[in-house]
Amino acid sequence: MKDRWNVKPKRTFFAKSLSLSRLSSPCFIKAFMCSPFASSYDHGIVLELSSFFSFEEPYQKSEAKMRYDKDAIYWMGYFYRYLVYTREVSSRQVYHAIPASILYSFYKPYHSFDNEKAAVQILSLYPLFPANQLQVLRKYFASE
């Protein structure tokens, strides 16, 4: 069965980062989510595995100080991808609204929730768009 949100590659990348990346988990997630690599997934383009860690280059000076456990980072990759596809926003937007350290703090209470229920709860605390930007969007769509 085909993965509906194309999340398997992202959650697998996140889990593989524990053994293949020298970056800390928060730094790896930031590097990935704000990279052209993640942007390609947002547009349905799956890049070759050979370019998997190329987005880390600007962050090479950061050595791993904090590593999330495999289950948590796997869930985080899945949840980020879920938000990107269901909310139709970019990986970068999702990351800036919910940084890795914040999402990690939600792992224990929300990882066993239905994705949508977890998304509603988390986004009520950390909205994808600031309140003033929501007003502009509402006016824009109301005028159409």
Protein backbone atom coordinates (compact mmCIF):
# COMPACT_ATOMS: atom_id res chain seq x y z
CA MET A 1 0.00 0.00 0.00
CA LYS A 2 1.37 3.40 -0.98
CA ASP A 3 2.08 5.77 1.88
CA ARG A 4 -0.68 8.38 1.66
CA TRP A 5 1.40 11.36 2.80
CA ASN A 6 4.79 10.16 1.56
CA VAL A 7 5.93 10.11 5.20
CA LYS A 8 7.95 6.93 5.21
CA PRO A 9 11.07 8.52 3.72
CA LYS A 10 11.03 11.43 6.20
CA ARG A 11 10.46 9.35 9.30
CA THR A 12 13.10 6.89 8.09
CA PHE A 13 15.55 9.76 7.51
CA PHE A 14 14.93 11.04 10.99
CA ALA A 15 15.54 7.60 12.51
CA LYS A 16 18.67 7.04 10.38
CA SER A 17 20.06 10.37 11.55
CA LEU A 18 20.83 8.78 14.91
CA SER A 19 23.47 6.55 13.35
CA LEU A 20 24.50 8.44 10.20
CA SER A 21 24.58 12.08 11.30
CA ARG A 22 27.08 13.82 13.56
CA LEU A 23 24.52 16.50 14.39
CA SER A 24 22.40 16.64 17.50
CA SER A 25 18.81 15.61 16.93
CA PRO A 26 17.42 19.17 17.22
CA CYS A 27 20.07 20.51 14.84
CA PHE A 28 19.51 17.68 12.36
CA ILE A 29 15.75 18.29 12.34
CA LYS A 30 16.22 22.03 11.82
CA ALA A 31 18.72 21.41 9.01
CA PHE A 32 16.38 18.94 7.35
CA MET A 33 13.10 20.82 7.74
CA CYS A 34 14.56 24.07 6.39
CA SER A 35 16.44 22.43 3.51
CA PRO A 36 15.70 22.22 -0.21
CA PHE A 37 15.64 18.46 0.38
CA ALA A 38 12.52 18.76 2.58
CA SER A 39 11.03 21.28 0.19
CA SER A 40 11.27 18.71 -2.59
CA TYR A 41 9.15 16.32 -0.51
CA ASP A 42 6.63 19.09 0.03
CA HIS A 43 6.20 19.19 -3.74
CA GLY A 44 6.06 15.40 -4.16
CA ILE A 45 9.60 15.00 -5.49
CA VAL A 46 11.59 12.24 -3.85
CA LEU A 47 15.33 12.80 -4.18
CA GLU A 48 17.96 10.10 -4.37
CA LEU A 49 19.32 8.75 -1.11
CA SER A 50 22.81 9.81 -2.24
CA SER A 51 21.89 13.44 -1.49
CA PHE A 52 20.41 12.48 1.87
CA PHE A 53 22.86 14.32 4.14
CA SER A 54 23.94 17.12 1.79
CA PHE A 55 21.72 19.61 3.64
CA GLU A 56 23.85 19.17 6.78
CA GLU A 57 26.92 20.90 5.37
CA PRO A 58 26.23 24.38 6.85
CA TYR A 59 25.77 22.75 10.27
CA GLN A 60 28.91 20.60 10.35
CA LYS A 61 30.47 22.53 13.24
CA SER A 62 27.67 21.38 15.53
CA GLU A 63 28.49 18.05 17.12
CA ALA A 64 25.82 15.81 18.61
CA LYS A 65 25.11 16.84 22.17
CA MET A 66 21.48 15.78 22.42
CA ARG A 67 20.03 12.73 20.73
CA TYR A 68 16.36 11.89 20.85
CA ASP A 69 15.44 8.24 21.22
CA LYS A 70 14.61 6.34 18.04
CA ASP A 71 10.86 6.02 18.69
CA ALA A 72 10.50 9.73 19.43
CA ILE A 73 12.43 10.93 16.39
CA TYR A 74 10.55 8.45 14.18
CA TRP A 75 7.22 9.84 15.42
CA MET A 76 8.44 13.41 14.97
CA GLY A 77 9.32 12.74 11.32
CA TYR A 78 5.92 11.20 10.74
CA PHE A 79 4.07 13.99 12.56
CA TYR A 80 5.90 16.79 10.74
CA ARG A 81 5.08 15.18 7.40
CA TYR A 82 1.45 14.69 8.47
CA LEU A 83 1.15 18.40 9.24
CA VAL A 84 2.77 19.41 5.94
CA TYR A 85 0.33 17.38 3.88
CA THR A 86 -2.86 17.84 5.85
CA ARG A 87 -2.37 21.57 6.44
CA GLU A 88 -0.86 22.22 2.99
CA VAL A 89 2.12 24.17 4.31
CA SER A 90 5.86 23.81 3.82
CA SER A 91 8.21 21.86 6.04
CA ARG A 92 9.92 25.14 6.88
CA GLN A 93 6.62 26.72 8.05
CA VAL A 94 5.81 23.72 10.22
CA TYR A 95 9.29 23.70 11.75
CA HIS A 96 9.18 27.43 12.54
CA ALA A 97 5.79 27.06 14.20
CA ILE A 98 6.78 23.92 16.14
CA PRO A 99 10.56 23.60 16.60
CA ALA A 100 12.05 20.19 17.36
CA SER A 101 12.46 20.83 21.09
CA ILE A 102 8.77 21.73 21.39
CA LEU A 103 7.55 18.77 19.33
CA TYR A 104 9.81 16.44 21.32
CA SER A 105 8.14 17.62 24.53
CA PHE A 106 4.81 16.48 23.06
CA TYR A 107 6.04 12.98 22.19
CA LYS A 108 5.08 11.22 25.42
CA PRO A 109 1.60 12.70 25.83
CA TYR A 110 0.62 12.59 22.13
CA HIS A 111 2.43 9.80 20.29
CA SER A 112 -0.37 7.31 20.91
CA PHE A 113 -3.10 9.76 19.83
CA ASP A 114 -4.76 9.73 16.44
CA ASN A 115 -2.67 12.08 14.27
CA GLU A 116 -5.49 14.54 13.72
CA LYS A 117 -6.37 14.71 17.41
CA ALA A 118 -2.71 15.31 18.28
CA ALA A 119 -2.45 17.95 15.53
CA VAL A 120 -5.49 19.83 16.82
CA GLN A 121 -4.16 19.80 20.38
CA ILE A 122 -0.62 20.87 19.45
CA LEU A 123 -1.71 23.48 16.91
CA SER A 124 -4.03 25.05 19.46
CA LEU A 125 -0.89 25.90 21.44
CA TYR A 126 1.49 26.49 18.52
CA PRO A 127 -0.49 27.72 15.49
CA LEU A 128 1.09 27.49 12.06
CA PHE A 129 0.26 31.15 11.40
CA PRO A 130 0.46 34.05 13.86
CA ALA A 131 -2.90 35.64 14.70
CA ASN A 132 -2.27 38.76 12.60
CA GLN A 133 -1.38 36.62 9.57
CA LEU A 134 -4.60 34.63 10.04
CA GLN A 135 -6.61 37.86 9.85
CA VAL A 136 -4.95 38.76 6.55
CA LEU A 137 -5.62 35.26 5.17
CA ARG A 138 -9.27 35.38 6.24
CA LYS A 139 -9.75 38.76 4.52
CA TYR A 140 -8.06 37.48 1.38
CA PHE A 141 -10.22 34.35 1.11
CA ALA A 142 -13.39 36.25 2.06
CA SER A 143 -12.84 38.63 -0.87
CA GLU A 144 -12.78 35.81 -3.44
